[in-house]
Amino acid sequence: MKCPKCESDSYKNENHRGKQRYKCKKCKYQFVSREGRGKDKQIKSAAVTLYLYGLSFRAIASYLKVSQL
């Protein structure tokens, strides 16, 4: 795992609230992995296209079967 701040190597540090924390060897920055978050680019581009056609956020979320938040 690479540090998001300085891009150097890091190591597993501890678990906090059920998530693995990492600590950078160089700058001592602590962070949590953000992999696997968000939606696919296809869903995002479809949502933008539907928005440009004038659909509401609620209608887009219903159509794409995703959360409104």
C-alpha atoms as a PDB file:
ATOM      1  CA  MET A   1       0.000   0.000   0.000  1.00  0.00           C
ATOM      2  CA  LYS A   2       1.302   3.442  -0.963  1.00  0.00           C
ATOM      3  CA  CYS A   3       0.914   6.549   1.173  1.00  0.00           C
ATOM      4  CA  PRO A   4      -1.599   9.009  -0.348  1.00  0.00           C
ATOM      5  CA  LYS A   5       0.467  11.928   0.926  1.00  0.00           C
ATOM      6  CA  CYS A   6       4.043  11.115  -0.153  1.00  0.00           C
ATOM      7  CA  GLU A   7       3.618   7.910  -2.249  1.00  0.00           C
ATOM      8  CA  SER A   8       6.165   5.905  -0.217  1.00  0.00           C
ATOM      9  CA  ASP A   9       5.624   2.456   1.303  1.00  0.00           C
ATOM     10  CA  SER A  10       3.501   1.916   4.377  1.00  0.00           C
ATOM     11  CA  TYR A  11       2.691  -0.857   6.836  1.00  0.00           C
ATOM     12  CA  LYS A  12      -0.356  -2.115   8.684  1.00  0.00           C
ATOM     13  CA  ASN A  13      -0.703  -0.203  11.910  1.00  0.00           C
ATOM     14  CA  GLU A  14      -3.913  -1.085  13.775  1.00  0.00           C
ATOM     15  CA  ASN A  15      -7.627  -1.715  13.395  1.00  0.00           C
ATOM     16  CA  HIS A  16      -9.932   1.181  14.207  1.00  0.00           C
ATOM     17  CA  ARG A  17     -13.704   0.741  14.217  1.00  0.00           C
ATOM     18  CA  GLY A  18     -13.360  -2.424  12.165  1.00  0.00           C
ATOM     19  CA  LYS A  19     -11.152  -0.894   9.444  1.00  0.00           C
ATOM     20  CA  GLN A  20      -7.465  -1.575   8.843  1.00  0.00           C
ATOM     21  CA  ARG A  21      -5.262   1.470   9.356  1.00  0.00           C
ATOM     22  CA  TYR A  22      -1.923   1.985   7.645  1.00  0.00           C
ATOM     23  CA  LYS A  23       1.049   4.137   8.631  1.00  0.00           C
ATOM     24  CA  CYS A  24       3.615   5.591   6.245  1.00  0.00           C
ATOM     25  CA  LYS A  25       7.220   4.611   6.959  1.00  0.00           C
ATOM     26  CA  LYS A  26       8.564   7.940   5.720  1.00  0.00           C
ATOM     27  CA  CYS A  27       6.181  10.721   6.818  1.00  0.00           C
ATOM     28  CA  LYS A  28       4.315   8.820   9.608  1.00  0.00           C
ATOM     29  CA  TYR A  29       0.925   9.708   8.054  1.00  0.00           C
ATOM     30  CA  GLN A  30      -1.914   7.399   9.156  1.00  0.00           C
ATOM     31  CA  PHE A  31      -4.657   6.529   6.691  1.00  0.00           C
ATOM     32  CA  VAL A  32      -7.379   4.011   5.834  1.00  0.00           C
ATOM     33  CA  SER A  33      -7.604   2.321   2.448  1.00  0.00           C
ATOM     34  CA  ARG A  34     -10.300   3.867   0.224  1.00  0.00           C
ATOM     35  CA  GLU A  35     -10.371   1.103  -2.396  1.00  0.00           C
ATOM     36  CA  GLY A  36     -13.729  -0.225  -3.472  1.00  0.00           C
ATOM     37  CA  ARG A  37     -15.683   2.928  -2.771  1.00  0.00           C
ATOM     38  CA  GLY A  38     -17.981   4.684  -5.180  1.00  0.00           C
ATOM     39  CA  LYS A  39     -19.809   3.501  -8.268  1.00  0.00           C
ATOM     40  CA  ASP A  40     -18.554   2.351 -11.667  1.00  0.00           C
ATOM     41  CA  LYS A  41     -17.764   4.967 -14.286  1.00  0.00           C
ATOM     42  CA  GLN A  42     -20.585   3.629 -16.474  1.00  0.00           C
ATOM     43  CA  ILE A  43     -23.171   4.330 -13.768  1.00  0.00           C
ATOM     44  CA  LYS A  44     -21.725   7.799 -13.159  1.00  0.00           C
ATOM     45  CA  SER A  45     -21.772   8.730 -16.825  1.00  0.00           C
ATOM     46  CA  ALA A  46     -25.336   7.396 -17.191  1.00  0.00           C
ATOM     47  CA  ALA A  47     -26.401   9.513 -14.209  1.00  0.00           C
ATOM     48  CA  VAL A  48     -24.873  12.655 -15.725  1.00  0.00           C
ATOM     49  CA  THR A  49     -26.518  11.948 -19.077  1.00  0.00           C
ATOM     50  CA  LEU A  50     -29.913  11.442 -17.458  1.00  0.00           C
ATOM     51  CA  TYR A  51     -29.451  14.665 -15.488  1.00  0.00           C
ATOM     52  CA  LEU A  52     -28.695  16.568 -18.680  1.00  0.00           C
ATOM     53  CA  TYR A  53     -31.936  15.211 -20.149  1.00  0.00           C
ATOM     54  CA  GLY A  54     -33.783  16.869 -17.274  1.00  0.00           C
ATOM     55  CA  LEU A  55     -34.509  13.978 -14.907  1.00  0.00           C
ATOM     56  CA  SER A  56     -34.567  14.673 -11.178  1.00  0.00           C
ATOM     57  CA  PHE A  57     -32.051  13.142  -8.776  1.00  0.00           C
ATOM     58  CA  ARG A  58     -34.793  10.945  -7.332  1.00  0.00           C
ATOM     59  CA  ALA A  59     -35.799   9.663 -10.782  1.00  0.00           C
ATOM     60  CA  ILE A  60     -32.164   8.977 -11.713  1.00  0.00           C
ATOM     61  CA  ALA A  61     -31.557   7.050  -8.488  1.00  0.00           C
ATOM     62  CA  SER A  62     -34.714   5.024  -9.020  1.00  0.00           C
ATOM     63  CA  TYR A  63     -33.837   4.261 -12.654  1.00  0.00           C
ATOM     64  CA  LEU A  64     -30.223   3.243 -11.889  1.00  0.00           C
ATOM     65  CA  LYS A  65     -31.212   1.454  -8.649  1.00  0.00           C
ATOM     66  CA  VAL A  66     -28.768   3.398  -6.461  1.00  0.00           C
ATOM     67  CA  SER A  67     -29.167   5.464  -3.302  1.00  0.00           C
ATOM     68  CA  GLN A  68     -30.335   9.064  -3.593  1.00  0.00           C
ATOM     69  CA  LEU A  69     -27.690  10.245  -1.135  1.00  0.00           C
END
